[in-house]
Amino acid sequence: YIGERVEDIQATIDEHIAIIDTLNKFRSVTENKTNCINNLTQLNTKIKVYDGPSSPLTTYKMLRDKDVSELINLTSQQLLALSANSDVCPVCSGHLDEEHKQKCKSNSEVLATKVDKLKKSISEYDRKISDEEKLKITITNKISDLTQELQTYLNQENEIIRSPYGPRIVNMTDTDLLNFQTHLKAFKEKLADIVNNNQKIEHLERLYDAQVESCTNYKNQ
């Protein structure tokens, strides 16, 4: 270690630590950026097909429209059947006998059951459609949040690249990182040895000074 200054070795250690820290930070930001991009890609793909022909939202709307159309048709038939309470049939415009009235009444009850069933089905589709639309809004908001998050990672990445050690760490591999860590350990051990040797020298110098002083006193006496 002759001729090596503690300050120079410490500066090399500080540089190695800074490079390793910068590289680890860069890798962390890059990993976060990659995950963010993957999540955004998946959500954007999902939102694009959300209103497509095979999406649950489109299917529920189609089935609801079908039930609504059938409900309108049955309601019209129901109104005709209920007219059995009058004296004139709205279908044939003829006089209603008792047998005709009973038949219309029976039809009315059957239609009423179908109408209730359709109303419940439509109500269930309304709920499902509402849930799907809320989910769509949630996905849209998540895309917005991830877009902002991605911009943060891009800014951090650019900031690291523009830092003093940025250009050196961009293309570093795991082997490079391991070498830096190995060198850092070696430099720290070297510094510890120098400090230890300096302490031994200082101790010997104090012993020497004490002996010189003792001999000088003895000579004077």
C-alpha atoms as a PDB file:
ATOM      1  CA  TYR A   1       0.000   0.000   0.000  1.00  0.00           C
ATOM      2  CA  ILE A   2       3.027   2.289  -0.231  1.00  0.00           C
ATOM      3  CA  GLY A   3       2.104   5.522  -1.957  1.00  0.00           C
ATOM      4  CA  GLU A   4      -1.661   4.947  -1.807  1.00  0.00           C
ATOM      5  CA  ARG A   5      -3.639   7.675  -0.110  1.00  0.00           C
ATOM      6  CA  VAL A   6      -6.570   6.795   2.098  1.00  0.00           C
ATOM      7  CA  GLU A   7      -8.511   9.640   0.524  1.00  0.00           C
ATOM      8  CA  ASP A   8      -8.039   8.210  -2.994  1.00  0.00           C
ATOM      9  CA  ILE A   9      -9.217   4.750  -1.983  1.00  0.00           C
ATOM     10  CA  GLN A  10     -12.187   6.256  -0.136  1.00  0.00           C
ATOM     11  CA  ALA A  11     -13.087   8.255  -3.256  1.00  0.00           C
ATOM     12  CA  THR A  12     -13.009   5.040  -5.330  1.00  0.00           C
ATOM     13  CA  ILE A  13     -15.227   3.318  -2.739  1.00  0.00           C
ATOM     14  CA  ASP A  14     -17.682   6.227  -2.807  1.00  0.00           C
ATOM     15  CA  GLU A  15     -17.786   6.060  -6.609  1.00  0.00           C
ATOM     16  CA  HIS A  16     -18.435   2.312  -6.612  1.00  0.00           C
ATOM     17  CA  ILE A  17     -21.242   2.737  -4.069  1.00  0.00           C
ATOM     18  CA  ALA A  18     -22.770   5.544  -6.142  1.00  0.00           C
ATOM     19  CA  ILE A  19     -22.625   3.455  -9.340  1.00  0.00           C
ATOM     20  CA  ILE A  20     -24.173   0.408  -7.644  1.00  0.00           C
ATOM     21  CA  ASP A  21     -26.944   2.528  -6.063  1.00  0.00           C
ATOM     22  CA  THR A  22     -27.648   4.263  -9.379  1.00  0.00           C
ATOM     23  CA  LEU A  23     -27.777   0.942 -11.231  1.00  0.00           C
ATOM     24  CA  ASN A  24     -30.133  -0.645  -8.677  1.00  0.00           C
ATOM     25  CA  LYS A  25     -32.399   2.418  -8.763  1.00  0.00           C
ATOM     26  CA  PHE A  26     -32.393   2.404 -12.583  1.00  0.00           C
ATOM     27  CA  ARG A  27     -33.294  -1.288 -12.677  1.00  0.00           C
ATOM     28  CA  SER A  28     -36.100  -0.790 -10.160  1.00  0.00           C
ATOM     29  CA  VAL A  29     -37.574   2.107 -12.147  1.00  0.00           C
ATOM     30  CA  THR A  30     -37.233   0.150 -15.404  1.00  0.00           C
ATOM     31  CA  GLU A  31     -38.985  -2.874 -13.877  1.00  0.00           C
ATOM     32  CA  ASN A  32     -41.824  -0.676 -12.576  1.00  0.00           C
ATOM     33  CA  LYS A  33     -42.098   0.971 -16.000  1.00  0.00           C
ATOM     34  CA  THR A  34     -42.289  -2.418 -17.743  1.00  0.00           C
ATOM     35  CA  ASN A  35     -44.982  -3.694 -15.361  1.00  0.00           C
ATOM     36  CA  CYS A  36     -46.933  -0.468 -15.832  1.00  0.00           C
ATOM     37  CA  ILE A  37     -46.756  -0.780 -19.641  1.00  0.00           C
ATOM     38  CA  ASN A  38     -47.916  -4.418 -19.480  1.00  0.00           C
ATOM     39  CA  ASN A  39     -50.885  -3.480 -17.263  1.00  0.00           C
ATOM     40  CA  LEU A  40     -51.782  -0.588 -19.556  1.00  0.00           C
ATOM     41  CA  THR A  41     -51.627  -2.849 -22.609  1.00  0.00           C
ATOM     42  CA  GLN A  42     -53.970  -5.380 -21.006  1.00  0.00           C
ATOM     43  CA  LEU A  43     -56.466  -2.724 -19.879  1.00  0.00           C
ATOM     44  CA  ASN A  44     -56.420  -0.911 -23.227  1.00  0.00           C
ATOM     45  CA  THR A  45     -57.090  -4.203 -25.020  1.00  0.00           C
ATOM     46  CA  LYS A  46     -59.952  -4.934 -22.621  1.00  0.00           C
ATOM     47  CA  ILE A  47     -61.540  -1.484 -22.953  1.00  0.00           C
ATOM     48  CA  LYS A  48     -61.363  -1.636 -26.778  1.00  0.00           C
ATOM     49  CA  VAL A  49     -63.485  -4.795 -26.917  1.00  0.00           C
ATOM     50  CA  TYR A  50     -65.740  -3.741 -24.041  1.00  0.00           C
ATOM     51  CA  ASP A  51     -68.499  -2.558 -26.362  1.00  0.00           C
ATOM     52  CA  GLY A  52     -67.744  -5.197 -28.983  1.00  0.00           C
ATOM     53  CA  PRO A  53     -70.232  -7.873 -30.091  1.00  0.00           C
ATOM     54  CA  SER A  54     -68.876 -10.482 -27.646  1.00  0.00           C
ATOM     55  CA  SER A  55     -68.612  -8.278 -24.545  1.00  0.00           C
ATOM     56  CA  PRO A  56     -70.913  -8.945 -21.537  1.00  0.00           C
ATOM     57  CA  LEU A  57     -72.181  -5.365 -21.676  1.00  0.00           C
ATOM     58  CA  THR A  58     -73.285  -5.696 -25.311  1.00  0.00           C
ATOM     59  CA  THR A  59     -74.833  -9.130 -24.637  1.00  0.00           C
ATOM     60  CA  TYR A  60     -76.833  -7.869 -21.646  1.00  0.00           C
ATOM     61  CA  LYS A  61     -78.102  -4.866 -23.621  1.00  0.00           C
ATOM     62  CA  MET A  62     -79.156  -7.108 -26.527  1.00  0.00           C
ATOM     63  CA  LEU A  63     -81.001  -9.557 -24.251  1.00  0.00           C
ATOM     64  CA  ARG A  64     -82.681  -6.681 -22.402  1.00  0.00           C
ATOM     65  CA  ASP A  65     -83.869  -5.108 -25.676  1.00  0.00           C
ATOM     66  CA  LYS A  66     -85.278  -8.481 -26.707  1.00  0.00           C
ATOM     67  CA  ASP A  67     -87.210  -8.807 -23.412  1.00  0.00           C
ATOM     68  CA  VAL A  68     -88.474  -5.231 -23.680  1.00  0.00           C
ATOM     69  CA  SER A  69     -89.754  -5.890 -27.216  1.00  0.00           C
ATOM     70  CA  GLU A  70     -91.511  -9.049 -26.069  1.00  0.00           C
ATOM     71  CA  LEU A  71     -92.940  -7.219 -23.059  1.00  0.00           C
ATOM     72  CA  ILE A  72     -94.450  -4.562 -25.293  1.00  0.00           C
ATOM     73  CA  ASN A  73     -96.023  -7.251 -27.450  1.00  0.00           C
ATOM     74  CA  LEU A  74     -97.415  -9.200 -24.455  1.00  0.00           C
ATOM     75  CA  THR A  75     -98.719  -6.030 -22.850  1.00  0.00           C
ATOM     76  CA  SER A  76    -100.704  -5.284 -26.000  1.00  0.00           C
ATOM     77  CA  GLN A  77    -102.143  -8.818 -25.964  1.00  0.00           C
ATOM     78  CA  GLN A  78    -102.876  -8.459 -22.259  1.00  0.00           C
ATOM     79  CA  LEU A  79    -104.860  -5.297 -22.863  1.00  0.00           C
ATOM     80  CA  LEU A  80    -106.891  -7.064 -25.508  1.00  0.00           C
ATOM     81  CA  ALA A  81    -107.578 -10.009 -23.212  1.00  0.00           C
ATOM     82  CA  LEU A  82    -108.590  -7.746 -20.339  1.00  0.00           C
ATOM     83  CA  SER A  83    -111.219  -6.208 -22.557  1.00  0.00           C
ATOM     84  CA  ALA A  84    -113.277  -9.351 -21.861  1.00  0.00           C
ATOM     85  CA  ASN A  85    -114.927  -7.278 -19.149  1.00  0.00           C
ATOM     86  CA  SER A  86    -116.676  -5.274 -21.862  1.00  0.00           C
ATOM     87  CA  ASP A  87    -119.589  -6.414 -23.964  1.00  0.00           C
ATOM     88  CA  VAL A  88    -117.758  -6.203 -27.301  1.00  0.00           C
ATOM     89  CA  CYS A  89    -114.633  -8.205 -28.213  1.00  0.00           C
ATOM     90  CA  PRO A  90    -111.886  -5.872 -29.515  1.00  0.00           C
ATOM     91  CA  VAL A  91    -110.629  -8.616 -31.822  1.00  0.00           C
ATOM     92  CA  CYS A  92    -113.805  -9.681 -33.660  1.00  0.00           C
ATOM     93  CA  SER A  93    -115.996  -6.701 -32.678  1.00  0.00           C
ATOM     94  CA  GLY A  94    -118.753  -9.210 -32.007  1.00  0.00           C
ATOM     95  CA  HIS A  95    -120.961  -9.693 -28.984  1.00  0.00           C
ATOM     96  CA  LEU A  96    -119.187 -11.474 -26.087  1.00  0.00           C
ATOM     97  CA  ASP A  97    -120.899 -14.531 -24.670  1.00  0.00           C
ATOM     98  CA  GLU A  98    -119.891 -16.046 -21.312  1.00  0.00           C
ATOM     99  CA  GLU A  99    -117.659 -18.706 -22.868  1.00  0.00           C
ATOM    100  CA  HIS A 100    -115.800 -16.022 -24.834  1.00  0.00           C
ATOM    101  CA  LYS A 101    -115.336 -13.980 -21.656  1.00  0.00           C
ATOM    102  CA  GLN A 102    -113.894 -16.934 -19.695  1.00  0.00           C
ATOM    103  CA  LYS A 103    -111.442 -17.715 -22.487  1.00  0.00           C
ATOM    104  CA  CYS A 104    -110.232 -14.107 -22.571  1.00  0.00           C
ATOM    105  CA  LYS A 105    -109.929 -14.051 -18.784  1.00  0.00           C
ATOM    106  CA  SER A 106    -107.825 -17.231 -18.818  1.00  0.00           C
ATOM    107  CA  ASN A 107    -105.565 -15.771 -21.515  1.00  0.00           C
ATOM    108  CA  SER A 108    -105.193 -12.619 -19.453  1.00  0.00           C
ATOM    109  CA  GLU A 109    -103.946 -14.549 -16.411  1.00  0.00           C
ATOM    110  CA  VAL A 110    -101.385 -16.470 -18.509  1.00  0.00           C
ATOM    111  CA  LEU A 111    -100.179 -13.264 -20.088  1.00  0.00           C
ATOM    112  CA  ALA A 112     -99.916 -11.560 -16.696  1.00  0.00           C
ATOM    113  CA  THR A 113     -97.566 -14.302 -15.483  1.00  0.00           C
ATOM    114  CA  LYS A 114     -95.376 -13.902 -18.583  1.00  0.00           C
ATOM    115  CA  VAL A 115     -95.343 -10.126 -18.192  1.00  0.00           C
ATOM    116  CA  ASP A 116     -94.197 -10.347 -14.552  1.00  0.00           C
ATOM    117  CA  LYS A 117     -91.463 -12.775 -15.523  1.00  0.00           C
ATOM    118  CA  LEU A 118     -90.253 -10.449 -18.279  1.00  0.00           C
ATOM    119  CA  LYS A 119     -90.271  -7.434 -15.957  1.00  0.00           C
ATOM    120  CA  LYS A 120     -88.080  -9.303 -13.465  1.00  0.00           C
ATOM    121  CA  SER A 121     -85.730 -10.387 -16.263  1.00  0.00           C
ATOM    122  CA  ILE A 122     -85.447  -6.798 -17.546  1.00  0.00           C
ATOM    123  CA  SER A 123     -84.767  -5.558 -14.007  1.00  0.00           C
ATOM    124  CA  GLU A 124     -81.961  -8.146 -13.634  1.00  0.00           C
ATOM    125  CA  TYR A 125     -80.427  -7.097 -16.955  1.00  0.00           C
ATOM    126  CA  ASP A 126     -80.617  -3.454 -15.833  1.00  0.00           C
ATOM    127  CA  ARG A 127     -78.595  -4.392 -12.738  1.00  0.00           C
ATOM    128  CA  LYS A 128     -76.005  -6.315 -14.759  1.00  0.00           C
ATOM    129  CA  ILE A 129     -75.691  -3.501 -17.296  1.00  0.00           C
ATOM    130  CA  SER A 130     -75.218  -0.993 -14.475  1.00  0.00           C
ATOM    131  CA  ASP A 131     -72.490  -3.164 -12.914  1.00  0.00           C
ATOM    132  CA  GLU A 132     -70.720  -3.546 -16.256  1.00  0.00           C
ATOM    133  CA  GLU A 133     -70.849   0.204 -16.932  1.00  0.00           C
ATOM    134  CA  LYS A 134     -69.438   0.906 -13.462  1.00  0.00           C
ATOM    135  CA  LEU A 135     -66.661  -1.603 -14.155  1.00  0.00           C
ATOM    136  CA  LYS A 136     -65.965   0.111 -17.461  1.00  0.00           C
ATOM    137  CA  ILE A 137     -65.617   3.448 -15.646  1.00  0.00           C
ATOM    138  CA  THR A 138     -63.289   1.805 -13.112  1.00  0.00           C
ATOM    139  CA  ILE A 139     -61.103   0.439 -15.918  1.00  0.00           C
ATOM    140  CA  THR A 140     -61.055   3.819 -17.658  1.00  0.00           C
ATOM    141  CA  ASN A 141     -59.978   5.555 -14.446  1.00  0.00           C
ATOM    142  CA  LYS A 142     -57.316   2.877 -13.864  1.00  0.00           C
ATOM    143  CA  ILE A 143     -55.951   3.495 -17.357  1.00  0.00           C
ATOM    144  CA  SER A 144     -55.730   7.202 -16.562  1.00  0.00           C
ATOM    145  CA  ASP A 145     -53.919   6.517 -13.269  1.00  0.00           C
ATOM    146  CA  LEU A 146     -51.491   4.084 -14.916  1.00  0.00           C
ATOM    147  CA  THR A 147     -50.770   6.587 -17.695  1.00  0.00           C
ATOM    148  CA  GLN A 148     -49.751   9.177 -15.100  1.00  0.00           C
ATOM    149  CA  GLU A 149     -47.757   6.551 -13.207  1.00  0.00           C
ATOM    150  CA  LEU A 150     -45.934   5.566 -16.410  1.00  0.00           C
ATOM    151  CA  GLN A 151     -44.978   9.183 -17.047  1.00  0.00           C
ATOM    152  CA  THR A 152     -43.501   9.347 -13.531  1.00  0.00           C
ATOM    153  CA  TYR A 153     -41.316   6.294 -14.244  1.00  0.00           C
ATOM    154  CA  LEU A 154     -40.224   7.754 -17.590  1.00  0.00           C
ATOM    155  CA  ASN A 155     -39.243  10.996 -15.873  1.00  0.00           C
ATOM    156  CA  GLN A 156     -37.302   9.106 -13.194  1.00  0.00           C
ATOM    157  CA  GLU A 157     -35.562   7.017 -15.853  1.00  0.00           C
ATOM    158  CA  ASN A 158     -34.515  10.104 -17.823  1.00  0.00           C
ATOM    159  CA  GLU A 159     -33.325  11.789 -14.637  1.00  0.00           C
ATOM    160  CA  ILE A 160     -31.114   8.797 -13.768  1.00  0.00           C
ATOM    161  CA  ILE A 161     -29.711   8.620 -17.316  1.00  0.00           C
ATOM    162  CA  ARG A 162     -28.801  12.326 -17.145  1.00  0.00           C
ATOM    163  CA  SER A 163     -27.071  11.852 -13.778  1.00  0.00           C
ATOM    164  CA  PRO A 164     -23.218  11.683 -13.561  1.00  0.00           C
ATOM    165  CA  TYR A 165     -23.171   7.868 -13.675  1.00  0.00           C
ATOM    166  CA  GLY A 166     -26.232   7.457 -15.933  1.00  0.00           C
ATOM    167  CA  PRO A 167     -24.439   6.748 -19.233  1.00  0.00           C
ATOM    168  CA  ARG A 168     -22.245   4.128 -17.544  1.00  0.00           C
ATOM    169  CA  ILE A 169     -25.076   2.055 -16.022  1.00  0.00           C
ATOM    170  CA  VAL A 170     -27.599   1.935 -18.895  1.00  0.00           C
ATOM    171  CA  ASN A 171     -26.112  -1.171 -20.543  1.00  0.00           C
ATOM    172  CA  MET A 172     -24.634  -2.838 -17.455  1.00  0.00           C
ATOM    173  CA  THR A 173     -25.323  -6.551 -17.001  1.00  0.00           C
ATOM    174  CA  ASP A 174     -25.599  -8.671 -13.857  1.00  0.00           C
ATOM    175  CA  THR A 175     -21.938  -9.612 -14.330  1.00  0.00           C
ATOM    176  CA  ASP A 176     -20.946  -5.933 -14.339  1.00  0.00           C
ATOM    177  CA  LEU A 177     -22.891  -5.360 -11.134  1.00  0.00           C
ATOM    178  CA  LEU A 178     -21.283  -8.381  -9.503  1.00  0.00           C
ATOM    179  CA  ASN A 179     -17.812  -7.138 -10.504  1.00  0.00           C
ATOM    180  CA  PHE A 180     -18.494  -3.716  -9.006  1.00  0.00           C
ATOM    181  CA  GLN A 181     -19.712  -5.326  -5.791  1.00  0.00           C
ATOM    182  CA  THR A 182     -16.601  -7.561  -5.676  1.00  0.00           C
ATOM    183  CA  HIS A 183     -14.286  -4.605  -6.303  1.00  0.00           C
ATOM    184  CA  LEU A 184     -16.106  -2.564  -3.680  1.00  0.00           C
ATOM    185  CA  LYS A 185     -15.530  -5.300  -1.115  1.00  0.00           C
ATOM    186  CA  ALA A 186     -11.835  -5.480  -2.045  1.00  0.00           C
ATOM    187  CA  PHE A 187     -11.399  -1.692  -1.781  1.00  0.00           C
ATOM    188  CA  LYS A 188     -13.106  -1.635   1.600  1.00  0.00           C
ATOM    189  CA  GLU A 189     -10.796  -4.404   2.844  1.00  0.00           C
ATOM    190  CA  LYS A 190      -7.774  -2.519   1.484  1.00  0.00           C
ATOM    191  CA  LEU A 191      -8.883   0.660   3.218  1.00  0.00           C
ATOM    192  CA  ALA A 192      -9.401  -1.236   6.469  1.00  0.00           C
ATOM    193  CA  ASP A 193      -5.882  -2.692   6.198  1.00  0.00           C
ATOM    194  CA  ILE A 194      -4.349   0.732   5.567  1.00  0.00           C
ATOM    195  CA  VAL A 195      -6.232   2.274   8.470  1.00  0.00           C
ATOM    196  CA  ASN A 196      -5.157  -0.641  10.685  1.00  0.00           C
ATOM    197  CA  ASN A 197      -1.525  -0.320   9.566  1.00  0.00           C
ATOM    198  CA  ASN A 198      -1.610   3.430  10.167  1.00  0.00           C
ATOM    199  CA  GLN A 199      -2.911   2.828  13.667  1.00  0.00           C
ATOM    200  CA  LYS A 200      -0.071   0.352  14.301  1.00  0.00           C
ATOM    201  CA  ILE A 201       2.467   2.867  12.980  1.00  0.00           C
ATOM    202  CA  GLU A 202       1.019   5.623  15.160  1.00  0.00           C
ATOM    203  CA  HIS A 203       1.227   3.270  18.140  1.00  0.00           C
ATOM    204  CA  LEU A 204       4.879   2.439  17.357  1.00  0.00           C
ATOM    205  CA  GLU A 205       5.639   6.122  16.918  1.00  0.00           C
ATOM    206  CA  ARG A 206       4.186   6.869  20.325  1.00  0.00           C
ATOM    207  CA  LEU A 207       6.259   4.051  21.842  1.00  0.00           C
ATOM    208  CA  TYR A 208       9.344   5.348  20.082  1.00  0.00           C
ATOM    209  CA  ASP A 209       8.733   8.919  21.278  1.00  0.00           C
ATOM    210  CA  ALA A 210       8.204   7.628  24.802  1.00  0.00           C
ATOM    211  CA  GLN A 211      11.457   5.678  24.673  1.00  0.00           C
ATOM    212  CA  VAL A 212      13.356   8.668  23.286  1.00  0.00           C
ATOM    213  CA  GLU A 213      11.907  10.848  26.007  1.00  0.00           C
ATOM    214  CA  SER A 214      12.821   8.236  28.631  1.00  0.00           C
ATOM    215  CA  CYS A 215      16.375   7.953  27.323  1.00  0.00           C
ATOM    216  CA  THR A 216      16.728  11.727  27.184  1.00  0.00           C
ATOM    217  CA  ASN A 217      15.561  12.041  30.774  1.00  0.00           C
ATOM    218  CA  TYR A 218      17.894   9.237  31.844  1.00  0.00           C
ATOM    219  CA  LYS A 219      20.819  10.964  30.070  1.00  0.00           C
ATOM    220  CA  ASN A 220      20.012  14.278  31.698  1.00  0.00           C
ATOM    221  CA  GLN A 221      19.880  12.649  35.087  1.00  0.00           C
END
